[in-house]
């Protein structure tokens, strides 16, 4: 496996091409079976979220260098994982509750918790022991102007709320 990643890092063009191929392959490997299965089981459509993590996972896999970073602590990674897991789960539960307007079953909440583990793992790789992964994912914690954080945090919920209001108005006109 180390030889494969060594070859990929030989040129920037090869690395970009490998990233695109891997990101698409990871995403569509999830999306195609879920789309086919959701024809008969509508509830499986929620699993389409898994495919959106293909580009992040591809970046993590391609940035692996096999060089350990001294001073990296497992406790920092576990803390980051736990906090991101709880935040992601709260967002998914709030979204499901707002969108479906039904009480969520225990199984649904458990599924949403498992789905939340993927972004938590991706964000926690910023504290990875591997130097390449750590350098790539450390940009997640680079301070940016607060205005961009506010835009990022409010834009998606605003779009969802707008879409929900539009759907309600559409239903009333019928």
Protein backbone atom coordinates (compact mmCIF):
# COMPACT_ATOMS: atom_id res chain seq x y z
CA UNK A 1 0.00 0.00 0.00
CA UNK A 2 2.91 2.32 0.78
CA UNK A 3 4.27 1.90 -2.76
CA UNK A 4 0.92 2.91 -4.26
CA UNK A 5 0.78 6.12 -2.22
CA UNK A 6 4.47 6.77 -2.98
CA UNK A 7 3.73 6.59 -6.71
CA UNK A 8 0.75 8.91 -6.37
CA UNK A 9 2.87 11.60 -4.73
CA UNK A 10 5.35 11.70 -7.61
CA UNK A 11 3.58 14.40 -9.55
CA UNK A 12 0.88 16.95 -8.82
CA UNK A 13 -1.07 16.01 -11.94
CA UNK A 14 -1.14 12.33 -10.96
CA UNK A 15 -2.15 13.26 -7.42
CA UNK A 16 -5.04 15.49 -8.61
CA UNK A 17 -6.23 12.84 -11.05
CA UNK A 18 -6.05 10.15 -8.34
CA UNK A 19 -8.00 12.40 -5.96
CA UNK A 20 -10.80 12.98 -8.50
CA UNK A 21 -11.06 9.30 -9.38
CA UNK A 22 -11.04 8.21 -5.74
CA UNK A 23 -13.53 10.88 -4.60
CA UNK A 24 -16.01 9.98 -7.35
CA UNK A 25 -15.50 6.25 -6.83
CA UNK A 26 -16.09 6.45 -3.08
CA UNK A 27 -19.19 8.62 -3.45
CA UNK A 28 -20.81 6.68 -6.26
CA UNK A 29 -19.99 3.33 -4.65
CA UNK A 30 -22.35 4.43 -1.89
CA UNK A 31 -24.91 6.34 -3.95
CA UNK A 32 -25.70 3.75 -6.63
CA UNK A 33 -26.65 0.87 -4.28
CA UNK A 34 -28.58 3.21 -1.96
CA UNK A 35 -30.52 4.69 -4.88
CA UNK A 36 -31.35 1.24 -6.20
CA UNK A 37 -32.39 -0.01 -2.75
CA UNK A 38 -34.45 3.09 -1.97
CA UNK A 39 -36.80 2.25 -4.84
CA UNK A 40 -38.28 -0.50 -2.70
CA UNK A 41 -37.40 0.83 0.77
CA UNK A 42 -38.00 4.58 0.92
CA UNK A 43 -36.36 4.94 4.37
CA UNK A 44 -32.95 4.03 2.91
CA UNK A 45 -32.83 7.36 1.08
CA UNK A 46 -31.39 8.92 4.24
CA UNK A 47 -28.22 6.89 3.69
CA UNK A 48 -27.39 9.02 0.64
CA UNK A 49 -25.61 11.31 3.12
CA UNK A 50 -22.82 8.74 3.34
CA UNK A 51 -21.75 9.41 -0.24
CA UNK A 52 -21.09 13.07 0.45
CA UNK A 53 -18.03 12.12 2.49
CA UNK A 54 -16.21 10.59 -0.48
CA UNK A 55 -14.06 13.67 -1.21
CA UNK A 56 -13.00 14.03 2.43
CA UNK A 57 -12.12 10.36 2.78
CA UNK A 58 -10.20 10.50 -0.53
CA UNK A 59 -8.19 13.49 0.74
CA UNK A 60 -7.37 11.67 3.97
CA UNK A 61 -6.31 8.49 2.17
CA UNK A 62 -4.15 10.34 -0.34
CA UNK A 63 -2.45 12.52 2.27
CA UNK A 64 -1.23 9.49 4.24
CA UNK A 65 2.57 9.61 4.44
CA UNK A 66 3.39 7.01 7.10
CA UNK A 67 5.43 9.51 9.10
CA UNK A 68 4.46 9.87 12.76
CA UNK A 69 4.07 13.37 14.18
CA UNK A 70 5.74 13.71 17.58
CA UNK A 71 3.64 15.26 20.30
CA UNK A 72 0.27 14.22 18.89
CA UNK A 73 -2.07 13.23 21.68
CA UNK A 74 -4.83 10.66 21.43
CA UNK A 75 -6.87 12.57 24.02
CA UNK A 76 -7.09 15.64 21.73
CA UNK A 77 -8.34 13.48 18.87
CA UNK A 78 -10.89 11.68 21.06
CA UNK A 79 -12.15 14.99 22.48
CA UNK A 80 -12.52 16.44 18.98
CA UNK A 81 -14.26 13.25 17.82
CA UNK A 82 -16.70 13.31 20.75
CA UNK A 83 -17.62 16.97 20.41
CA UNK A 84 -18.05 16.73 16.64
CA UNK A 85 -20.11 13.56 17.03
CA UNK A 86 -22.51 15.24 19.44
CA UNK A 87 -22.80 18.39 17.32
CA UNK A 88 -23.37 16.41 14.10
CA UNK A 89 -25.94 14.19 15.78
CA UNK A 90 -27.81 17.19 17.19
CA UNK A 91 -27.94 18.81 13.74
CA UNK A 92 -29.18 15.60 12.07
CA UNK A 93 -31.84 15.00 14.75
CA UNK A 94 -33.00 18.63 14.52
CA UNK A 95 -33.14 18.40 10.74
CA UNK A 96 -35.06 15.11 10.78
CA UNK A 97 -37.49 16.44 13.37
CA UNK A 98 -38.08 19.68 11.46
CA UNK A 99 -38.39 18.01 8.07
CA UNK A 100 -40.46 14.94 8.96
CA UNK A 101 -42.52 16.47 11.78
CA UNK A 102 -42.76 13.01 13.33
CA UNK A 103 -41.39 11.70 16.54
CA UNK A 104 -38.13 9.90 15.82
CA UNK A 105 -37.86 6.27 16.86
CA UNK A 106 -34.92 4.96 18.86
CA UNK A 107 -33.65 3.10 15.77
CA UNK A 108 -33.71 6.29 13.70
CA UNK A 109 -31.81 8.20 16.37
CA UNK A 110 -29.25 5.39 16.52
CA UNK A 111 -28.85 5.46 12.73
CA UNK A 112 -28.34 9.23 12.85
CA UNK A 113 -25.71 8.74 15.56
CA UNK A 114 -23.86 6.25 13.35
CA UNK A 115 -24.06 8.65 10.40
CA UNK A 116 -22.65 11.38 12.65
CA UNK A 117 -19.57 9.28 13.35
CA UNK A 118 -18.26 9.82 9.81
CA UNK A 119 -17.90 13.63 9.93
CA UNK A 120 -16.61 13.27 13.50
CA UNK A 121 -13.89 10.90 12.29
CA UNK A 122 -13.02 13.22 9.39
CA UNK A 123 -12.73 16.32 11.59
CA UNK A 124 -10.76 14.45 14.26
CA UNK A 125 -8.11 13.48 11.69
CA UNK A 126 -6.76 17.01 12.14
CA UNK A 127 -5.17 15.50 15.26
CA UNK A 128 -3.88 12.41 13.44
CA UNK A 129 -0.48 10.96 14.26
CA UNK A 130 0.38 10.81 10.56
CA UNK A 131 2.11 14.01 9.43
CA UNK A 132 0.54 14.12 5.95
CA UNK A 133 -3.02 13.64 7.17
CA UNK A 134 -2.49 16.09 10.01
CA UNK A 135 -1.14 18.76 7.64
CA UNK A 136 -4.00 18.28 5.18
CA UNK A 137 -6.81 18.31 7.71
CA UNK A 138 -5.31 20.93 10.05
CA UNK A 139 -6.81 23.61 7.79
CA UNK A 140 -10.15 22.76 9.41
CA UNK A 141 -8.90 24.55 12.52
CA UNK A 142 -7.17 27.49 10.83
CA UNK A 143 -8.75 30.71 12.11
CA UNK A 144 -10.72 32.59 9.48
CA UNK A 145 -12.66 35.85 9.72
CA UNK A 146 -15.76 35.33 11.89
CA UNK A 147 -18.06 36.54 9.12
CA UNK A 148 -17.37 33.40 7.07
CA UNK A 149 -18.14 31.19 10.05
CA UNK A 150 -21.47 32.94 10.49
CA UNK A 151 -22.28 32.57 6.80
CA UNK A 152 -21.38 28.86 6.87
CA UNK A 153 -23.39 28.19 10.02
CA UNK A 154 -26.49 30.10 8.96
CA UNK A 155 -26.70 29.57 5.20
CA UNK A 156 -27.65 25.90 5.14
CA UNK A 157 -30.32 26.15 7.88
CA UNK A 158 -31.71 29.24 6.14
CA UNK A 159 -31.97 27.35 2.85
CA UNK A 160 -33.68 24.41 4.58
CA UNK A 161 -36.14 26.71 6.34
CA UNK A 162 -36.89 28.56 3.11
CA UNK A 163 -37.43 25.25 1.32
CA UNK A 164 -39.73 24.06 4.10
CA UNK A 165 -41.82 27.25 3.94
CA UNK A 166 -42.02 26.96 0.16
CA UNK A 167 -43.21 23.33 0.45
CA UNK A 168 -45.89 24.37 3.00
CA UNK A 169 -47.15 27.12 0.68
CA UNK A 170 -47.20 24.69 -2.23
CA UNK A 171 -49.26 22.21 -0.23
CA UNK A 172 -51.78 24.95 0.73
CA UNK A 173 -52.33 25.91 -2.91
CA UNK A 174 -53.24 22.34 -3.86
